[in-house]
PDB file of N, CA and C in Angstrom:
ATOM      1  N   MET A   1       0.936  -1.249   0.109  1.00  0.00           N
ATOM      2  CA  MET A   1      -0.075  -0.254   0.130  1.00  0.00           C
ATOM      3  C   MET A   1       0.881   1.346   0.067  1.00  0.00           C
ATOM      4  N   ARG A   2       1.941   0.925  -1.034  1.00  0.00           N
ATOM      5  CA  ARG A   2       3.078   2.643  -0.772  1.00  0.00           C
ATOM      6  C   ARG A   2       2.141   3.591  -1.145  1.00  0.00           C
ATOM      7  N   GLU A   3       1.103   3.549  -1.762  1.00  0.00           N
ATOM      8  CA  GLU A   3       0.577   4.843  -2.575  1.00  0.00           C
ATOM      9  C   GLU A   3      -0.514   5.434  -1.053  1.00  0.00           C
ATOM     10  N   SER A   4      -0.814   4.553  -0.510  1.00  0.00           N
ATOM     11  CA  SER A   4      -1.683   4.838   0.696  1.00  0.00           C
ATOM     12  C   SER A   4      -0.623   6.003   1.620  1.00  0.00           C
ATOM     13  N   GLY A   5       0.386   5.964   1.467  1.00  0.00           N
ATOM     14  CA  GLY A   5       1.573   6.518   2.581  1.00  0.00           C
ATOM     15  C   GLY A   5       1.172   5.866   4.063  1.00  0.00           C
ATOM     16  N   HIS A   6       0.527   4.590   4.052  1.00  0.00           N
ATOM     17  CA  HIS A   6       0.806   3.708   5.313  1.00  0.00           C
ATOM     18  C   HIS A   6       2.359   3.629   6.049  1.00  0.00           C
ATOM     19  N   ASP A   7       3.163   3.081   5.212  1.00  0.00           N
ATOM     20  CA  ASP A   7       4.278   2.668   4.989  1.00  0.00           C
ATOM     21  C   ASP A   7       5.333   3.982   5.530  1.00  0.00           C
ATOM     22  N   ALA A   8       5.179   5.004   5.001  1.00  0.00           N
ATOM     23  CA  ALA A   8       6.390   5.805   5.397  1.00  0.00           C
ATOM     24  C   ALA A   8       5.772   6.831   6.051  1.00  0.00           C
ATOM     25  N   THR A   9       4.373   7.125   6.291  1.00  0.00           N
ATOM     26  CA  THR A   9       3.624   8.287   7.340  1.00  0.00           C
ATOM     27  C   THR A   9       4.400   8.267   8.524  1.00  0.00           C
ATOM     28  N   HIS A  10       4.396   9.614   9.151  1.00  0.00           N
ATOM     29  CA  HIS A  10       4.388   9.482  10.688  1.00  0.00           C
ATOM     30  C   HIS A  10       3.261  10.257  11.084  1.00  0.00           C
ATOM     31  N   ARG A  11       2.105  10.411  10.311  1.00  0.00           N
ATOM     32  CA  ARG A  11       1.028  10.786  10.762  1.00  0.00           C
ATOM     33  C   ARG A  11       0.259  10.375  11.724  1.00  0.00           C
ATOM     34  N   PHE A  12       0.344   8.973  12.092  1.00  0.00           N
ATOM     35  CA  PHE A  12      -0.307   8.136  12.973  1.00  0.00           C
ATOM     36  C   PHE A  12       0.780   7.888  14.097  1.00  0.00           C
ATOM     37  N   ASP A  13       1.965   8.285  14.234  1.00  0.00           N
ATOM     38  CA  ASP A  13       2.766   8.006  15.373  1.00  0.00           C
ATOM     39  C   ASP A  13       3.013   6.688  15.443  1.00  0.00           C
ATOM     40  N   ASP A  14       2.977   6.141  16.918  1.00  0.00           N
ATOM     41  CA  ASP A  14       2.269   4.622  17.121  1.00  0.00           C
ATOM     42  C   ASP A  14       1.412   4.383  17.102  1.00  0.00           C
ATOM     43  N   ARG A  15       0.296   4.930  16.663  1.00  0.00           N
ATOM     44  CA  ARG A  15      -0.829   4.724  17.035  1.00  0.00           C
ATOM     45  C   ARG A  15      -1.440   4.457  15.588  1.00  0.00           C
ATOM     46  N   THR A  16      -0.821   3.682  14.790  1.00  0.00           N
ATOM     47  CA  THR A  16      -1.638   3.447  13.304  1.00  0.00           C
ATOM     48  C   THR A  16      -2.950   2.636  13.427  1.00  0.00           C
ATOM     49  N   ALA A  17      -2.913   1.429  14.414  1.00  0.00           N
ATOM     50  CA  ALA A  17      -3.732   0.655  14.974  1.00  0.00           C
ATOM     51  C   ALA A  17      -4.861   1.245  15.411  1.00  0.00           C
ATOM     52  N   ASP A  18      -5.080   2.302  15.901  1.00  0.00           N
ATOM     53  CA  ASP A  18      -6.052   3.117  16.140  1.00  0.00           C
ATOM     54  C   ASP A  18      -6.928   3.672  15.045  1.00  0.00           C
ATOM     55  N   PHE A  19      -6.698   3.849  14.216  1.00  0.00           N
ATOM     56  CA  PHE A  19      -6.974   4.440  13.205  1.00  0.00           C
ATOM     57  C   PHE A  19      -7.771   3.570  11.997  1.00  0.00           C
ATOM     58  N   VAL A  20      -8.595   4.414  11.552  1.00  0.00           N
ATOM     59  CA  VAL A  20      -8.988   4.130  10.499  1.00  0.00           C
ATOM     60  C   VAL A  20      -9.217   4.646   9.285  1.00  0.00           C
ATOM     61  N   SER A  21      -8.144   4.537   8.017  1.00  0.00           N
ATOM     62  CA  SER A  21      -8.218   6.345   7.311  1.00  0.00           C
ATOM     63  C   SER A  21      -9.190   6.152   6.135  1.00  0.00           C
ATOM     64  N   VAL A  22      -9.039   7.431   5.912  1.00  0.00           N
ATOM     65  CA  VAL A  22     -10.430   7.319   4.408  1.00  0.00           C
ATOM     66  C   VAL A  22      -9.243   7.055   3.233  1.00  0.00           C
ATOM     67  N   ASP A  23      -8.379   7.354   3.250  1.00  0.00           N
ATOM     68  CA  ASP A  23      -7.578   7.153   1.967  1.00  0.00           C
ATOM     69  C   ASP A  23      -7.495   5.321   1.945  1.00  0.00           C
ATOM     70  N   LEU A  24      -6.433   5.103   2.578  1.00  0.00           N
ATOM     71  CA  LEU A  24      -6.506   3.748   2.539  1.00  0.00           C
ATOM     72  C   LEU A  24      -8.172   2.901   2.156  1.00  0.00           C
ATOM     73  N   ASN A  25      -8.758   2.882   2.870  1.00  0.00           N
ATOM     74  CA  ASN A  25     -10.122   2.157   2.522  1.00  0.00           C
ATOM     75  C   ASN A  25     -10.731   3.098   1.021  1.00  0.00           C
ATOM     76  N   SER A  26     -10.135   4.225   0.825  1.00  0.00           N
ATOM     77  CA  SER A  26     -10.806   4.669  -0.700  1.00  0.00           C
ATOM     78  C   SER A  26      -9.930   3.671  -1.692  1.00  0.00           C
ATOM     79  N   LEU A  27      -8.695   3.844  -1.508  1.00  0.00           N
ATOM     80  CA  LEU A  27      -8.158   2.897  -2.079  1.00  0.00           C
ATOM     81  C   LEU A  27      -8.461   1.324  -2.519  1.00  0.00           C
ATOM     82  N   LEU A  28      -8.932   0.736  -1.222  1.00  0.00           N
ATOM     83  CA  LEU A  28      -9.116  -0.599  -1.087  1.00  0.00           C
ATOM     84  C   LEU A  28     -10.401  -0.948  -1.782  1.00  0.00           C
ATOM     85  N   TYR A  29     -11.504   0.530  -1.659  1.00  0.00           N
ATOM     86  CA  TYR A  29     -12.679   0.092  -2.641  1.00  0.00           C
ATOM     87  C   TYR A  29     -12.462   0.427  -4.184  1.00  0.00           C
ATOM     88  N   LYS A  30     -11.752   1.295  -4.579  1.00  0.00           N
ATOM     89  CA  LYS A  30     -11.117   1.281  -5.574  1.00  0.00           C
ATOM     90  C   LYS A  30     -10.509   0.059  -6.378  1.00  0.00           C
ATOM     91  N   TYR A  31      -9.860  -0.892  -5.728  1.00  0.00           N
ATOM     92  CA  TYR A  31      -9.447  -1.737  -6.073  1.00  0.00           C
ATOM     93  C   TYR A  31      -9.921  -2.969  -6.626  1.00  0.00           C
ATOM     94  N   GLU A  32     -11.236  -3.088  -4.949  1.00  0.00           N
ATOM     95  CA  GLU A  32     -12.450  -4.114  -5.152  1.00  0.00           C
ATOM     96  C   GLU A  32     -13.128  -3.886  -6.479  1.00  0.00           C
ATOM     97  N   THR A  33     -13.496  -2.814  -6.407  1.00  0.00           N
ATOM     98  CA  THR A  33     -14.294  -2.020  -7.837  1.00  0.00           C
ATOM     99  C   THR A  33     -13.974  -2.619  -9.460  1.00  0.00           C
ATOM    100  N   ASP A  34     -12.391  -2.183  -9.134  1.00  0.00           N
ATOM    101  CA  ASP A  34     -11.657  -2.562 -10.450  1.00  0.00           C
ATOM    102  C   ASP A  34     -11.253  -4.114 -10.821  1.00  0.00           C
ATOM    103  N   PHE A  35     -11.513  -5.114  -9.581  1.00  0.00           N
ATOM    104  CA  PHE A  35     -11.305  -6.102  -9.647  1.00  0.00           C
ATOM    105  C   PHE A  35     -12.822  -7.205 -10.310  1.00  0.00           C
ATOM    106  N   ALA A  36     -13.589  -6.284 -10.049  1.00  0.00           N
ATOM    107  CA  ALA A  36     -15.042  -6.979 -10.489  1.00  0.00           C
ATOM    108  C   ALA A  36     -14.957  -6.118 -11.786  1.00  0.00           C
ATOM    109  N   GLU A  37     -14.983  -5.136 -12.423  1.00  0.00           N
ATOM    110  CA  GLU A  37     -14.960  -4.760 -13.576  1.00  0.00           C
ATOM    111  C   GLU A  37     -13.866  -5.689 -14.563  1.00  0.00           C
ATOM    112  N   LEU A  38     -12.935  -5.880 -13.888  1.00  0.00           N
ATOM    113  CA  LEU A  38     -11.575  -6.484 -14.711  1.00  0.00           C
ATOM    114  C   LEU A  38     -12.209  -8.013 -15.079  1.00  0.00           C
ATOM    115  N   ILE A  39     -12.931  -8.259 -14.170  1.00  0.00           N
ATOM    116  CA  ILE A  39     -13.152 -10.012 -14.075  1.00  0.00           C
ATOM    117  C   ILE A  39     -14.671  -9.865 -15.022  1.00  0.00           C
ATOM    118  N   GLU A  40     -15.369  -9.090 -14.886  1.00  0.00           N
ATOM    119  CA  GLU A  40     -16.775  -9.096 -15.565  1.00  0.00           C
ATOM    120  C   GLU A  40     -16.259  -9.008 -17.509  1.00  0.00           C
ATOM    121  N   LYS A  41     -15.027  -7.925 -16.881  1.00  0.00           N
ATOM    122  CA  LYS A  41     -15.242  -7.493 -19.090  1.00  0.00           C
ATOM    123  C   LYS A  41     -14.381  -8.388 -19.575  1.00  0.00           C
ATOM    124  N   GLU A  42     -13.513  -9.212 -19.017  1.00  0.00           N
ATOM    125  CA  GLU A  42     -12.227  -9.941 -19.333  1.00  0.00           C
ATOM    126  C   GLU A  42     -12.768 -11.315 -19.162  1.00  0.00           C
ATOM    127  N   PHE A  43     -13.098 -11.992 -18.431  1.00  0.00           N
ATOM    128  CA  PHE A  43     -13.493 -13.409 -17.962  1.00  0.00           C
ATOM    129  C   PHE A  43     -14.931 -13.437 -18.339  1.00  0.00           C
ATOM    130  N   GLY A  44     -16.021 -12.848 -18.032  1.00  0.00           N
ATOM    131  CA  GLY A  44     -17.104 -12.677 -18.292  1.00  0.00           C
ATOM    132  C   GLY A  44     -17.873 -12.913 -17.051  1.00  0.00           C
ATOM    133  N   GLY A  45     -17.301 -12.465 -15.950  1.00  0.00           N
ATOM    134  CA  GLY A  45     -17.710 -12.570 -14.656  1.00  0.00           C
ATOM    135  C   GLY A  45     -16.731 -13.677 -13.505  1.00  0.00           C
ATOM    136  N   LYS A  46     -16.520 -14.316 -14.684  1.00  0.00           N
ATOM    137  CA  LYS A  46     -15.628 -15.755 -13.264  1.00  0.00           C
ATOM    138  C   LYS A  46     -14.276 -15.850 -14.182  1.00  0.00           C
ATOM    139  N   VAL A  47     -13.177 -16.142 -13.341  1.00  0.00           N
ATOM    140  CA  VAL A  47     -12.043 -16.391 -13.723  1.00  0.00           C
ATOM    141  C   VAL A  47     -11.453 -17.574 -13.907  1.00  0.00           C
ATOM    142  N   PRO A  48     -11.782 -18.625 -15.100  1.00  0.00           N
ATOM    143  CA  PRO A  48     -11.506 -20.109 -15.095  1.00  0.00           C
ATOM    144  C   PRO A  48     -10.308 -20.429 -14.139  1.00  0.00           C
ATOM    145  N   GLY A  49     -10.875 -21.737 -13.604  1.00  0.00           N
ATOM    146  CA  GLY A  49      -9.559 -22.076 -13.054  1.00  0.00           C
ATOM    147  C   GLY A  49      -9.061 -21.784 -11.709  1.00  0.00           C
ATOM    148  N   LEU A  50      -9.732 -20.740 -10.975  1.00  0.00           N
ATOM    149  CA  LEU A  50      -9.544 -20.069  -9.865  1.00  0.00           C
ATOM    150  C   LEU A  50     -10.767 -20.366  -9.090  1.00  0.00           C
ATOM    151  N   ASP A  51      -9.801 -21.303  -7.761  1.00  0.00           N
ATOM    152  CA  ASP A  51     -11.243 -21.868  -7.036  1.00  0.00           C
ATOM    153  C   ASP A  51     -11.762 -21.046  -5.872  1.00  0.00           C
ATOM    154  N   GLY A  52     -12.628 -21.081  -5.543  1.00  0.00           N
ATOM    155  CA  GLY A  52     -13.198 -19.779  -4.453  1.00  0.00           C
ATOM    156  C   GLY A  52     -13.902 -18.326  -5.097  1.00  0.00           C
ATOM    157  N   LYS A  53     -14.484 -17.963  -4.442  1.00  0.00           N
ATOM    158  CA  LYS A  53     -15.206 -16.655  -4.611  1.00  0.00           C
ATOM    159  C   LYS A  53     -14.338 -15.326  -5.175  1.00  0.00           C
ATOM    160  N   SER A  54     -13.378 -15.665  -4.724  1.00  0.00           N
ATOM    161  CA  SER A  54     -12.475 -14.329  -5.035  1.00  0.00           C
ATOM    162  C   SER A  54     -12.219 -14.695  -6.702  1.00  0.00           C
ATOM    163  N   GLY A  55     -12.504 -15.252  -7.280  1.00  0.00           N
ATOM    164  CA  GLY A  55     -12.664 -15.320  -8.703  1.00  0.00           C
ATOM    165  C   GLY A  55     -14.146 -14.772  -9.418  1.00  0.00           C
ATOM    166  N   GLU A  56     -14.540 -14.557  -8.567  1.00  0.00           N
ATOM    167  CA  GLU A  56     -15.861 -13.791  -8.914  1.00  0.00           C
ATOM    168  C   GLU A  56     -16.005 -12.259  -8.987  1.00  0.00           C
ATOM    169  N   ALA A  57     -16.457 -11.668 -10.245  1.00  0.00           N
ATOM    170  CA  ALA A  57     -16.824 -10.295 -10.305  1.00  0.00           C
ATOM    171  C   ALA A  57     -17.561 -10.197  -9.126  1.00  0.00           C
ATOM    172  N   ALA A  58     -18.667 -10.860  -8.434  1.00  0.00           N
ATOM    173  CA  ALA A  58     -19.896 -10.864  -7.645  1.00  0.00           C
ATOM    174  C   ALA A  58     -19.299 -10.897  -6.153  1.00  0.00           C
ATOM    175  N   PHE A  59     -18.447 -11.390  -5.953  1.00  0.00           N
ATOM    176  CA  PHE A  59     -17.643 -11.336  -5.289  1.00  0.00           C
ATOM    177  C   PHE A  59     -16.988  -9.887  -4.629  1.00  0.00           C
ATOM    178  N   TRP A  60     -16.305  -9.723  -5.715  1.00  0.00           N
ATOM    179  CA  TRP A  60     -15.820  -8.491  -5.449  1.00  0.00           C
ATOM    180  C   TRP A  60     -16.495  -7.226  -5.461  1.00  0.00           C
ATOM    181  N   ARG A  61     -17.551  -7.032  -6.047  1.00  0.00           N
ATOM    182  CA  ARG A  61     -18.900  -5.992  -5.681  1.00  0.00           C
ATOM    183  C   ARG A  61     -19.418  -5.872  -4.825  1.00  0.00           C
ATOM    184  N   GLN A  62     -19.561  -7.171  -3.650  1.00  0.00           N
ATOM    185  CA  GLN A  62     -19.947  -7.127  -2.712  1.00  0.00           C
ATOM    186  C   GLN A  62     -18.991  -6.773  -1.533  1.00  0.00           C
ATOM    187  N   GLN A  63     -17.775  -7.164  -1.518  1.00  0.00           N
ATOM    188  CA  GLN A  63     -16.262  -6.601  -0.964  1.00  0.00           C
ATOM    189  C   GLN A  63     -16.548  -4.695  -0.761  1.00  0.00           C
ATOM    190  N   ALA A  64     -16.740  -4.579  -2.117  1.00  0.00           N
ATOM    191  CA  ALA A  64     -16.685  -2.952  -2.446  1.00  0.00           C
ATOM    192  C   ALA A  64     -18.055  -2.570  -1.874  1.00  0.00           C
ATOM    193  N   ALA A  65     -19.383  -3.076  -1.353  1.00  0.00           N
ATOM    194  CA  ALA A  65     -20.350  -2.547  -1.490  1.00  0.00           C
ATOM    195  C   ALA A  65     -20.227  -2.344   0.467  1.00  0.00           C
ATOM    196  N   ARG A  66     -19.759  -3.753   0.820  1.00  0.00           N
ATOM    197  CA  ARG A  66     -19.988  -4.055   2.001  1.00  0.00           C
ATOM    198  C   ARG A  66     -18.911  -2.817   2.879  1.00  0.00           C
ATOM    199  N   ARG A  67     -17.322  -2.703   1.925  1.00  0.00           N
ATOM    200  CA  ARG A  67     -16.524  -1.334   2.694  1.00  0.00           C
ATOM    201  C   ARG A  67     -17.121   0.257   2.644  1.00  0.00           C
ATOM    202  N   ARG A  68     -18.305   0.597   1.205  1.00  0.00           N
ATOM    203  CA  ARG A  68     -18.565   1.333   1.492  1.00  0.00           C
ATOM    204  C   ARG A  68     -20.010   1.778   2.927  1.00  0.00           C
ATOM    205  N   GLU A  69     -20.508   0.722   2.884  1.00  0.00           N
ATOM    206  CA  GLU A  69     -21.216   0.875   3.886  1.00  0.00           C
ATOM    207  C   GLU A  69     -20.636   1.116   5.590  1.00  0.00           C
ATOM    208  N   ALA A  70     -19.654   0.097   5.605  1.00  0.00           N
ATOM    209  CA  ALA A  70     -18.751   0.725   7.044  1.00  0.00           C
ATOM    210  C   ALA A  70     -18.285   1.988   6.802  1.00  0.00           C
ATOM    211  N   MET A  71     -17.695   2.603   5.647  1.00  0.00           N
ATOM    212  CA  MET A  71     -17.183   3.662   5.454  1.00  0.00           C
ATOM    213  C   MET A  71     -18.043   4.567   5.743  1.00  0.00           C
ATOM    214  N   LEU A  72     -19.151   4.567   5.200  1.00  0.00           N
ATOM    215  CA  LEU A  72     -20.337   5.750   5.898  1.00  0.00           C
ATOM    216  C   LEU A  72     -20.836   5.704   7.120  1.00  0.00           C
ATOM    217  N   ALA A  73     -20.819   4.595   7.672  1.00  0.00           N
ATOM    218  CA  ALA A  73     -21.188   4.663   8.905  1.00  0.00           C
ATOM    219  C   ALA A  73     -20.248   4.435   9.637  1.00  0.00           C
ATOM    220  N   LEU A  74     -18.986   4.744   9.481  1.00  0.00           N
ATOM    221  CA  LEU A  74     -18.015   5.128  10.635  1.00  0.00           C
ATOM    222  C   LEU A  74     -17.128   6.690  10.457  1.00  0.00           C
ATOM    223  N   MET A  75     -17.556   6.655   9.142  1.00  0.00           N
ATOM    224  CA  MET A  75     -16.434   8.006   8.636  1.00  0.00           C
ATOM    225  C   MET A  75     -17.441   9.404   8.240  1.00  0.00           C
ATOM    226  N   TRP A  76     -18.491   8.924   7.758  1.00  0.00           N
ATOM    227  CA  TRP A  76     -19.495  10.298   6.953  1.00  0.00           C
ATOM    228  C   TRP A  76     -19.778  11.292   8.045  1.00  0.00           C
ATOM    229  N   ASP A  77     -19.206  12.632   8.067  1.00  0.00           N
ATOM    230  CA  ASP A  77     -19.592  13.371   8.903  1.00  0.00           C
ATOM    231  C   ASP A  77     -20.683  14.701   8.448  1.00  0.00           C
ATOM    232  N   ASP A  78     -21.935  14.288   8.498  1.00  0.00           N
ATOM    233  CA  ASP A  78     -23.185  15.089   8.023  1.00  0.00           C
ATOM    234  C   ASP A  78     -22.984  16.497   8.067  1.00  0.00           C
ATOM    235  N   GLN A  79     -22.572  17.183   9.086  1.00  0.00           N
ATOM    236  CA  GLN A  79     -22.225  18.832   9.253  1.00  0.00           C
ATOM    237  C   GLN A  79     -21.173  19.269   8.034  1.00  0.00           C
ATOM    238  N   ARG A  80     -20.043  18.744   7.954  1.00  0.00           N
ATOM    239  CA  ARG A  80     -19.193  18.659   6.924  1.00  0.00           C
ATOM    240  C   ARG A  80     -19.671  18.524   5.323  1.00  0.00           C
ATOM    241  N   GLY A  81     -20.231  17.321   5.462  1.00  0.00           N
ATOM    242  CA  GLY A  81     -20.402  16.796   4.167  1.00  0.00           C
ATOM    243  C   GLY A  81     -19.601  16.161   3.112  1.00  0.00           C
ATOM    244  N   TYR A  82     -18.861  15.168   4.110  1.00  0.00           N
ATOM    245  CA  TYR A  82     -17.279  14.323   3.671  1.00  0.00           C
ATOM    246  C   TYR A  82     -17.013  13.835   4.606  1.00  0.00           C
ATOM    247  N   LEU A  83     -16.420  12.396   4.240  1.00  0.00           N
ATOM    248  CA  LEU A  83     -15.422  11.675   4.711  1.00  0.00           C
ATOM    249  C   LEU A  83     -14.603  12.202   5.660  1.00  0.00           C
ATOM    250  N   LYS A  84     -14.608  11.744   7.016  1.00  0.00           N
ATOM    251  CA  LYS A  84     -13.443  11.832   7.990  1.00  0.00           C
ATOM    252  C   LYS A  84     -12.849  10.970   9.005  1.00  0.00           C
ATOM    253  N   PRO A  85     -11.619  10.575   8.927  1.00  0.00           N
ATOM    254  CA  PRO A  85     -11.711   9.304   9.835  1.00  0.00           C
ATOM    255  C   PRO A  85     -12.158   9.663  11.325  1.00  0.00           C
ATOM    256  N   PRO A  86     -12.414   8.633  11.686  1.00  0.00           N
ATOM    257  CA  PRO A  86     -12.290   8.904  13.431  1.00  0.00           C
ATOM    258  C   PRO A  86     -11.010   8.811  14.050  1.00  0.00           C
ATOM    259  N   SER A  87     -10.985   9.447  14.974  1.00  0.00           N
ATOM    260  CA  SER A  87      -9.347   9.298  15.366  1.00  0.00           C
ATOM    261  C   SER A  87      -9.025   8.118  16.293  1.00  0.00           C
ATOM    262  N   VAL A  88      -9.966   7.205  16.729  1.00  0.00           N
ATOM    263  CA  VAL A  88     -10.094   6.461  17.301  1.00  0.00           C
ATOM    264  C   VAL A  88     -11.419   5.923  17.602  1.00  0.00           C
ATOM    265  N   LEU A  89     -11.359   4.377  17.238  1.00  0.00           N
ATOM    266  CA  LEU A  89     -12.602   3.984  17.628  1.00  0.00           C
ATOM    267  C   LEU A  89     -12.856   3.087  18.366  1.00  0.00           C
ATOM    268  N   SER A  90     -13.841   3.599  19.831  1.00  0.00           N
ATOM    269  CA  SER A  90     -14.372   2.584  20.577  1.00  0.00           C
ATOM    270  C   SER A  90     -15.106   1.633  20.607  1.00  0.00           C
ATOM    271  N   LEU A  91     -15.032   0.804  21.389  1.00  0.00           N
ATOM    272  CA  LEU A  91     -15.754  -0.716  21.569  1.00  0.00           C
ATOM    273  C   LEU A  91     -17.059   0.154  21.325  1.00  0.00           C
ATOM    274  N   TRP A  92     -17.548   1.396  21.651  1.00  0.00           N
ATOM    275  CA  TRP A  92     -19.027   1.964  21.998  1.00  0.00           C
ATOM    276  C   TRP A  92     -19.457   2.146  20.362  1.00  0.00           C
ATOM    277  N   GLN A  93     -18.651   2.805  19.431  1.00  0.00           N
ATOM    278  CA  GLN A  93     -18.689   3.286  18.175  1.00  0.00           C
ATOM    279  C   GLN A  93     -19.100   1.754  17.605  1.00  0.00           C
ATOM    280  N   ILE A  94     -18.273   0.516  17.636  1.00  0.00           N
ATOM    281  CA  ILE A  94     -18.265  -0.189  17.101  1.00  0.00           C
ATOM    282  C   ILE A  94     -19.754  -1.135  17.535  1.00  0.00           C
ATOM    283  N   ARG A  95     -19.812  -1.051  18.815  1.00  0.00           N
ATOM    284  CA  ARG A  95     -21.504  -1.892  18.935  1.00  0.00           C
ATOM    285  C   ARG A  95     -22.520  -1.003  18.606  1.00  0.00           C
ATOM    286  N   GLN A  96     -22.961   0.122  18.324  1.00  0.00           N
ATOM    287  CA  GLN A  96     -23.694   0.769  17.603  1.00  0.00           C
ATOM    288  C   GLN A  96     -24.242   0.389  16.222  1.00  0.00           C
ATOM    289  N   LEU A  97     -22.819  -0.201  15.674  1.00  0.00           N
ATOM    290  CA  LEU A  97     -23.506  -0.779  14.213  1.00  0.00           C
ATOM    291  C   LEU A  97     -24.460  -1.808  13.964  1.00  0.00           C
ATOM    292  N   PRO A  98     -24.822  -2.305  13.193  1.00  0.00           N
ATOM    293  CA  PRO A  98     -25.697  -3.111  12.954  1.00  0.00           C
ATOM    294  C   PRO A  98     -25.086  -4.320  12.891  1.00  0.00           C
ATOM    295  N   ASN A  99     -25.133  -5.496  12.979  1.00  0.00           N
ATOM    296  CA  ASN A  99     -24.691  -6.869  13.431  1.00  0.00           C
ATOM    297  C   ASN A  99     -23.571  -7.115  12.017  1.00  0.00           C
ATOM    298  N   TRP A 100     -24.176  -6.857  10.822  1.00  0.00           N
ATOM    299  CA  TRP A 100     -23.171  -7.178   9.843  1.00  0.00           C
ATOM    300  C   TRP A 100     -22.130  -6.007   9.829  1.00  0.00           C
ATOM    301  N   GLN A 101     -22.384  -4.736   9.616  1.00  0.00           N
ATOM    302  CA  GLN A 101     -21.141  -4.151   9.702  1.00  0.00           C
ATOM    303  C   GLN A 101     -20.187  -4.056  10.886  1.00  0.00           C
ATOM    304  N   CYS A 102     -20.570  -4.377  11.964  1.00  0.00           N
ATOM    305  CA  CYS A 102     -19.475  -4.263  13.222  1.00  0.00           C
ATOM    306  C   CYS A 102     -18.765  -6.035  12.469  1.00  0.00           C
ATOM    307  N   ARG A 103     -19.649  -7.223  12.200  1.00  0.00           N
ATOM    308  CA  ARG A 103     -18.566  -7.842  11.824  1.00  0.00           C
ATOM    309  C   ARG A 103     -17.564  -7.637  10.602  1.00  0.00           C
ATOM    310  N   PHE A 104     -18.241  -7.509   9.525  1.00  0.00           N
ATOM    311  CA  PHE A 104     -17.307  -7.009   8.637  1.00  0.00           C
ATOM    312  C   PHE A 104     -16.105  -5.880   9.219  1.00  0.00           C
ATOM    313  N   PHE A 105     -16.110  -4.805   9.891  1.00  0.00           N
ATOM    314  CA  PHE A 105     -15.456  -4.158  10.424  1.00  0.00           C
ATOM    315  C   PHE A 105     -14.198  -4.766  11.075  1.00  0.00           C
ATOM    316  N   VAL A 106     -14.787  -5.774  12.096  1.00  0.00           N
ATOM    317  CA  VAL A 106     -13.436  -6.506  12.766  1.00  0.00           C
ATOM    318  C   VAL A 106     -13.058  -7.341  11.793  1.00  0.00           C
ATOM    319  N   TYR A 107     -13.513  -7.693  10.920  1.00  0.00           N
ATOM    320  CA  TYR A 107     -13.036  -8.679  10.127  1.00  0.00           C
ATOM    321  C   TYR A 107     -12.171  -7.929   9.263  1.00  0.00           C
ATOM    322  N   ILE A 108     -12.609  -6.508   9.023  1.00  0.00           N
ATOM    323  CA  ILE A 108     -11.099  -5.932   7.851  1.00  0.00           C
ATOM    324  C   ILE A 108      -9.895  -5.312   8.906  1.00  0.00           C
ATOM    325  N   LEU A 109     -10.186  -5.462  10.312  1.00  0.00           N
ATOM    326  CA  LEU A 109      -9.552  -4.939  11.374  1.00  0.00           C
ATOM    327  C   LEU A 109      -8.559  -6.409  11.562  1.00  0.00           C
ATOM    328  N   ILE A 110      -9.167  -7.540  11.720  1.00  0.00           N
ATOM    329  CA  ILE A 110      -8.039  -8.504  11.542  1.00  0.00           C
ATOM    330  C   ILE A 110      -7.841  -9.140  10.073  1.00  0.00           C
ATOM    331  N   LEU A 111      -8.395  -8.787   8.755  1.00  0.00           N
ATOM    332  CA  LEU A 111      -7.334  -9.018   7.760  1.00  0.00           C
ATOM    333  C   LEU A 111      -6.737  -8.310   7.460  1.00  0.00           C
ATOM    334  N   TYR A 112      -6.585  -6.918   7.529  1.00  0.00           N
ATOM    335  CA  TYR A 112      -5.679  -5.923   7.602  1.00  0.00           C
ATOM    336  C   TYR A 112      -4.441  -6.022   8.588  1.00  0.00           C
ATOM    337  N   GLY A 113      -4.654  -6.758   9.787  1.00  0.00           N
ATOM    338  CA  GLY A 113      -3.783  -6.844  10.941  1.00  0.00           C
ATOM    339  C   GLY A 113      -3.649  -5.735  11.886  1.00  0.00           C
ATOM    340  N   CYS A 114      -4.511  -5.165  11.617  1.00  0.00           N
ATOM    341  CA  CYS A 114      -4.886  -4.062  12.610  1.00  0.00           C
ATOM    342  C   CYS A 114      -5.371  -4.301  14.724  1.00  0.00           C
ATOM    343  N   THR A 115      -4.948  -5.800  14.526  1.00  0.00           N
ATOM    344  CA  THR A 115      -5.780  -5.907  15.745  1.00  0.00           C
ATOM    345  C   THR A 115      -4.096  -6.397  16.413  1.00  0.00           C
TER     346      THR A 115
END
């Protein structure tokens, strides 16, 4: 994720795991939508010979939709009208999410090594 700045930035000090950045999640969302489009256009929706759901365009569309929902739930600022990262996500904030969003958020934290 060099283009996200996460490997070279000092803006998070030693608290990287406490942040959910808009920029990194935006890049991951773009990758997921790009994967879906590529698989759809070049392989008709499913990559031949690739086992599991990761070779299906629908899988990547679903991943992108889940990420978008989680980002809007956690980062959208109604007063300012744009996404902004919460500085620290508390258990209270996570518990306020509907169950699927909470599970997805925890999954993302684990998947990207933020635990």
